[in-house]
PDB file of N, CA and C in Angstrom:
ATOM      1  N   MET A   1     103.938  91.360 103.793  1.00  0.00           N
ATOM      2  CA  MET A   1     102.607  91.611 103.225  1.00  0.00           C
ATOM      3  C   MET A   1     102.322  90.523 102.913  1.00  0.00           C
ATOM      4  N   GLY A   2     101.258  89.974 103.775  1.00  0.00           N
ATOM      5  CA  GLY A   2     100.311  89.065 103.685  1.00  0.00           C
ATOM      6  C   GLY A   2      99.233  88.723 102.388  1.00  0.00           C
ATOM      7  N   ALA A   3      98.687  87.855 102.118  1.00  0.00           N
ATOM      8  CA  ALA A   3      98.096  87.499 100.973  1.00  0.00           C
ATOM      9  C   ALA A   3      97.214  88.393 100.573  1.00  0.00           C
ATOM     10  N   HIS A   4      96.314  88.605 101.363  1.00  0.00           N
ATOM     11  CA  HIS A   4      94.561  89.829 101.599  1.00  0.00           C
ATOM     12  C   HIS A   4      95.330  91.124 100.981  1.00  0.00           C
ATOM     13  N   GLU A   5      96.367  91.325 101.669  1.00  0.00           N
ATOM     14  CA  GLU A   5      97.746  92.632 100.627  1.00  0.00           C
ATOM     15  C   GLU A   5      97.954  92.539  99.513  1.00  0.00           C
ATOM     16  N   ILE A   6      98.214  91.210  98.968  1.00  0.00           N
ATOM     17  CA  ILE A   6      98.515  91.334  97.540  1.00  0.00           C
ATOM     18  C   ILE A   6      97.221  91.293  97.077  1.00  0.00           C
ATOM     19  N   ARG A   7      95.946  90.426  97.224  1.00  0.00           N
ATOM     20  CA  ARG A   7      94.771  90.853  97.059  1.00  0.00           C
ATOM     21  C   ARG A   7      94.760  92.093  96.068  1.00  0.00           C
ATOM     22  N   ILE A   8      94.928  92.476  97.332  1.00  0.00           N
ATOM     23  CA  ILE A   8      94.473  94.113  97.116  1.00  0.00           C
ATOM     24  C   ILE A   8      95.267  94.873  95.878  1.00  0.00           C
ATOM     25  N   ARG A   9      96.868  94.305  96.355  1.00  0.00           N
ATOM     26  CA  ARG A   9      97.617  95.257  95.614  1.00  0.00           C
ATOM     27  C   ARG A   9      97.217  94.784  93.702  1.00  0.00           C
ATOM     28  N   LEU A  10      97.125  94.068  93.625  1.00  0.00           N
ATOM     29  CA  LEU A  10      96.357  92.806  92.288  1.00  0.00           C
ATOM     30  C   LEU A  10      95.145  93.674  91.937  1.00  0.00           C
ATOM     31  N   GLY A  11      94.414  94.456  92.445  1.00  0.00           N
ATOM     32  CA  GLY A  11      93.307  95.087  91.907  1.00  0.00           C
ATOM     33  C   GLY A  11      91.901  94.284  92.693  1.00  0.00           C
ATOM     34  N   GLY A  12      92.712  93.390  93.427  1.00  0.00           N
ATOM     35  CA  GLY A  12      91.056  92.572  94.171  1.00  0.00           C
ATOM     36  C   GLY A  12      90.446  91.676  93.665  1.00  0.00           C
ATOM     37  N   VAL A  13      91.869  90.766  92.679  1.00  0.00           N
ATOM     38  CA  VAL A  13      91.741  89.527  92.730  1.00  0.00           C
ATOM     39  C   VAL A  13      91.216  88.287  93.382  1.00  0.00           C
ATOM     40  N   SER A  14      90.249  87.029  92.883  1.00  0.00           N
ATOM     41  CA  SER A  14      90.169  86.587  94.078  1.00  0.00           C
ATOM     42  C   SER A  14      91.289  85.436  94.961  1.00  0.00           C
ATOM     43  N   ARG A  15      91.270  84.716  95.750  1.00  0.00           N
ATOM     44  CA  ARG A  15      91.792  83.840  96.771  1.00  0.00           C
ATOM     45  C   ARG A  15      92.758  82.936  95.792  1.00  0.00           C
ATOM     46  N   GLN A  16      91.589  82.751  94.345  1.00  0.00           N
ATOM     47  CA  GLN A  16      92.645  81.743  93.790  1.00  0.00           C
ATOM     48  C   GLN A  16      93.494  81.502  93.111  1.00  0.00           C
ATOM     49  N   ARG A  17      92.741  83.005  92.487  1.00  0.00           N
ATOM     50  CA  ARG A  17      94.361  83.696  91.566  1.00  0.00           C
ATOM     51  C   ARG A  17      94.708  84.270  92.307  1.00  0.00           C
ATOM     52  N   ALA A  18      94.954  85.005  92.990  1.00  0.00           N
ATOM     53  CA  ALA A  18      95.991  85.440  94.527  1.00  0.00           C
ATOM     54  C   ALA A  18      97.225  84.032  94.595  1.00  0.00           C
ATOM     55  N   TYR A  19      96.689  82.789  94.868  1.00  0.00           N
ATOM     56  CA  TYR A  19      97.501  81.650  95.108  1.00  0.00           C
ATOM     57  C   TYR A  19      97.984  81.264  93.797  1.00  0.00           C
ATOM     58  N   GLN A  20      97.419  81.424  92.993  1.00  0.00           N
ATOM     59  CA  GLN A  20      97.787  80.788  91.717  1.00  0.00           C
ATOM     60  C   GLN A  20      99.155  82.166  91.575  1.00  0.00           C
ATOM     61  N   ILE A  21      98.505  83.004  91.867  1.00  0.00           N
ATOM     62  CA  ILE A  21     100.242  84.491  91.136  1.00  0.00           C
ATOM     63  C   ILE A  21     101.805  84.218  92.283  1.00  0.00           C
ATOM     64  N   THR A  22     101.111  84.049  93.237  1.00  0.00           N
ATOM     65  CA  THR A  22     102.157  83.750  94.354  1.00  0.00           C
ATOM     66  C   THR A  22     102.951  82.587  93.889  1.00  0.00           C
ATOM     67  N   CYS A  23     101.729  81.618  93.794  1.00  0.00           N
ATOM     68  CA  CYS A  23     102.388  80.202  93.064  1.00  0.00           C
ATOM     69  C   CYS A  23     103.701  80.015  92.016  1.00  0.00           C
ATOM     70  N   ARG A  24     103.546  81.332  91.242  1.00  0.00           N
ATOM     71  CA  ARG A  24     104.632  80.814  90.276  1.00  0.00           C
ATOM     72  C   ARG A  24     105.635  81.085  90.453  1.00  0.00           C
ATOM     73  N   GLN A  25     106.453  80.810  89.817  1.00  0.00           N
ATOM     74  CA  GLN A  25     108.131  79.911  89.674  1.00  0.00           C
ATOM     75  C   GLN A  25     108.653  81.427  89.943  1.00  0.00           C
ATOM     76  N   ASP A  26     108.331  82.734  89.212  1.00  0.00           N
ATOM     77  CA  ASP A  26     109.255  84.261  89.141  1.00  0.00           C
ATOM     78  C   ASP A  26     108.839  84.448  90.371  1.00  0.00           C
ATOM     79  N   PHE A  27     107.953  84.671  91.228  1.00  0.00           N
ATOM     80  CA  PHE A  27     106.665  85.223  91.982  1.00  0.00           C
ATOM     81  C   PHE A  27     107.893  85.151  93.103  1.00  0.00           C
ATOM     82  N   PRO A  28     108.598  86.438  94.049  1.00  0.00           N
ATOM     83  CA  PRO A  28     109.314  85.993  94.993  1.00  0.00           C
ATOM     84  C   PRO A  28     108.699  84.900  95.912  1.00  0.00           C
ATOM     85  N   ARG A  29     109.652  84.493  97.535  1.00  0.00           N
ATOM     86  CA  ARG A  29     109.688  84.206  97.721  1.00  0.00           C
ATOM     87  C   ARG A  29     109.456  84.296  98.857  1.00  0.00           C
ATOM     88  N   PRO A  30     108.547  83.565  99.726  1.00  0.00           N
ATOM     89  CA  PRO A  30     107.970  84.384 101.365  1.00  0.00           C
ATOM     90  C   PRO A  30     109.151  85.257 101.994  1.00  0.00           C
ATOM     91  N   ILE A  31     108.869  85.750 102.827  1.00  0.00           N
ATOM     92  CA  ILE A  31     110.098  85.821 103.768  1.00  0.00           C
ATOM     93  C   ILE A  31     109.714  85.169 105.220  1.00  0.00           C
ATOM     94  N   ALA A  32     108.634  84.175 105.408  1.00  0.00           N
ATOM     95  CA  ALA A  32     107.963  84.142 105.960  1.00  0.00           C
ATOM     96  C   ALA A  32     106.292  82.858 106.078  1.00  0.00           C
ATOM     97  N   ASP A  33     106.786  81.724 106.653  1.00  0.00           N
ATOM     98  CA  ASP A  33     105.931  81.191 106.779  1.00  0.00           C
ATOM     99  C   ASP A  33     105.010  81.374 108.197  1.00  0.00           C
ATOM    100  N   LEU A  34     104.076  82.081 108.631  1.00  0.00           N
ATOM    101  CA  LEU A  34     103.273  81.862 109.830  1.00  0.00           C
ATOM    102  C   LEU A  34     102.021  81.290 110.301  1.00  0.00           C
ATOM    103  N   ALA A  35     101.600  80.858 111.216  1.00  0.00           N
ATOM    104  CA  ALA A  35     100.601  80.230 111.405  1.00  0.00           C
ATOM    105  C   ALA A  35      99.570  80.354 110.703  1.00  0.00           C
ATOM    106  N   GLN A  36      99.504  82.059 110.327  1.00  0.00           N
ATOM    107  CA  GLN A  36      98.131  82.608 109.636  1.00  0.00           C
ATOM    108  C   GLN A  36      98.476  82.641 108.822  1.00  0.00           C
ATOM    109  N   GLY A  37      99.253  82.410 107.423  1.00  0.00           N
ATOM    110  CA  GLY A  37      99.767  82.419 106.098  1.00  0.00           C
ATOM    111  C   GLY A  37     101.934  82.956 106.171  1.00  0.00           C
ATOM    112  N   LYS A  38     101.516  83.094 104.715  1.00  0.00           N
ATOM    113  CA  LYS A  38     102.782  82.858 104.151  1.00  0.00           C
ATOM    114  C   LYS A  38     103.565  84.320 104.360  1.00  0.00           C
ATOM    115  N   VAL A  39     104.391  85.460 104.190  1.00  0.00           N
ATOM    116  CA  VAL A  39     104.147  86.814 104.280  1.00  0.00           C
ATOM    117  C   VAL A  39     105.378  86.735 103.309  1.00  0.00           C
ATOM    118  N   TRP A  40     105.429  87.728 102.620  1.00  0.00           N
ATOM    119  CA  TRP A  40     106.421  88.593 101.790  1.00  0.00           C
ATOM    120  C   TRP A  40     106.611  89.368 101.875  1.00  0.00           C
ATOM    121  N   SER A  41     107.689  90.388 101.350  1.00  0.00           N
ATOM    122  CA  SER A  41     109.022  91.909 101.232  1.00  0.00           C
ATOM    123  C   SER A  41     107.671  92.321 100.468  1.00  0.00           C
ATOM    124  N   ARG A  42     107.658  93.465 100.735  1.00  0.00           N
ATOM    125  CA  ARG A  42     106.530  94.516 100.047  1.00  0.00           C
ATOM    126  C   ARG A  42     107.720  94.717  98.993  1.00  0.00           C
ATOM    127  N   GLU A  43     108.988  95.352  99.012  1.00  0.00           N
ATOM    128  CA  GLU A  43     110.259  95.536  98.057  1.00  0.00           C
ATOM    129  C   GLU A  43     109.840  94.675  96.819  1.00  0.00           C
ATOM    130  N   ASP A  44     109.942  93.574  97.100  1.00  0.00           N
ATOM    131  CA  ASP A  44     109.547  92.120  96.431  1.00  0.00           C
ATOM    132  C   ASP A  44     108.490  92.054  95.623  1.00  0.00           C
ATOM    133  N   VAL A  45     107.327  92.136  96.358  1.00  0.00           N
ATOM    134  CA  VAL A  45     106.379  91.656  95.220  1.00  0.00           C
ATOM    135  C   VAL A  45     106.368  93.476  94.823  1.00  0.00           C
ATOM    136  N   GLU A  46     106.537  94.577  95.382  1.00  0.00           N
ATOM    137  CA  GLU A  46     105.901  95.650  93.944  1.00  0.00           C
ATOM    138  C   GLU A  46     106.942  95.626  92.629  1.00  0.00           C
ATOM    139  N   ALA A  47     108.924  94.660  93.488  1.00  0.00           N
ATOM    140  CA  ALA A  47     109.159  95.010  91.959  1.00  0.00           C
ATOM    141  C   ALA A  47     108.899  93.394  91.175  1.00  0.00           C
ATOM    142  N   TRP A  48     108.239  93.052  91.451  1.00  0.00           N
ATOM    143  CA  TRP A  48     106.979  91.504  90.986  1.00  0.00           C
ATOM    144  C   TRP A  48     106.411  93.103  90.033  1.00  0.00           C
ATOM    145  N   ILE A  49     105.263  93.420  91.196  1.00  0.00           N
ATOM    146  CA  ILE A  49     104.547  93.807  89.836  1.00  0.00           C
ATOM    147  C   ILE A  49     104.662  94.779  88.921  1.00  0.00           C
ATOM    148  N   LYS A  50     105.783  95.532  89.199  1.00  0.00           N
ATOM    149  CA  LYS A  50     106.138  96.582  88.190  1.00  0.00           C
ATOM    150  C   LYS A  50     106.968  95.871  86.926  1.00  0.00           C
ATOM    151  N   THR A  51     107.053  94.619  86.864  1.00  0.00           N
ATOM    152  CA  THR A  51     107.687  93.581  85.895  1.00  0.00           C
ATOM    153  C   THR A  51     107.121  92.960  85.149  1.00  0.00           C
ATOM    154  N   HIS A  52     106.006  92.103  85.842  1.00  0.00           N
ATOM    155  CA  HIS A  52     104.719  91.419  85.158  1.00  0.00           C
ATOM    156  C   HIS A  52     103.329  92.254  85.777  1.00  0.00           C
ATOM    157  N   ARG A  53     102.978  93.280  85.471  1.00  0.00           N
ATOM    158  CA  ARG A  53     101.527  93.719  85.715  1.00  0.00           C
ATOM    159  C   ARG A  53     101.754  95.433  85.741  1.00  0.00           C
ATOM    160  N   GLN A  54     102.328  95.705  84.578  1.00  0.00           N
ATOM    161  CA  GLN A  54     102.442  96.975  84.459  1.00  0.00           C
ATOM    162  C   GLN A  54     101.357  98.004  84.893  1.00  0.00           C
ATOM    163  N   HIS A  55     100.148  97.374  83.713  1.00  0.00           N
ATOM    164  CA  HIS A  55      99.101  97.797  84.035  1.00  0.00           C
ATOM    165  C   HIS A  55      98.510  98.212  85.805  1.00  0.00           C
ATOM    166  N   GLN A  56      98.732  97.983  86.584  1.00  0.00           N
ATOM    167  CA  GLN A  56      98.214  98.438  87.866  1.00  0.00           C
ATOM    168  C   GLN A  56      99.470  99.558  88.128  1.00  0.00           C
ATOM    169  N   PRO A  57      98.861 100.355  88.931  1.00  0.00           N
ATOM    170  CA  PRO A  57      98.876 101.430  89.342  1.00  0.00           C
ATOM    171  C   PRO A  57     100.309 101.440  90.527  1.00  0.00           C
ATOM    172  N   ASP A  58     100.787 102.564  90.811  1.00  0.00           N
ATOM    173  CA  ASP A  58     102.073 102.633  91.631  1.00  0.00           C
ATOM    174  C   ASP A  58     101.364 102.789  93.422  1.00  0.00           C
ATOM    175  N   PHE A  59     102.075 101.429  94.120  1.00  0.00           N
ATOM    176  CA  PHE A  59     101.527 101.347  95.397  1.00  0.00           C
ATOM    177  C   PHE A  59     102.051 102.583  96.281  1.00  0.00           C
ATOM    178  N   ALA A  60     101.150 103.653  96.910  1.00  0.00           N
ATOM    179  CA  ALA A  60     100.898 104.761  97.652  1.00  0.00           C
ATOM    180  C   ALA A  60     100.866 104.707  99.040  1.00  0.00           C
ATOM    181  N   GLU A  61     101.991 104.358  99.855  1.00  0.00           N
ATOM    182  CA  GLU A  61     101.958 104.336 101.328  1.00  0.00           C
ATOM    183  C   GLU A  61     101.102 105.502 101.943  1.00  0.00           C
ATOM    184  N   PRO A  62     100.204 104.732 102.669  1.00  0.00           N
ATOM    185  CA  PRO A  62      99.120 105.923 103.199  1.00  0.00           C
ATOM    186  C   PRO A  62      99.819 106.895 104.608  1.00  0.00           C
TER     187      PRO A  62
END
């Protein structure tokens, strides 16, 4: 899951806000740092959202 997907998953937050959130000590560490940006495990991000953003609806895979 890239930064754009995280922004969408968090309800369309700004790029700056997504950066702030992903830099938090309690946010999961990225699993890769590619030329186009960092990548996080979807499972790790979803678990973080369940704990820290309870108001976000559950994600449904298309």
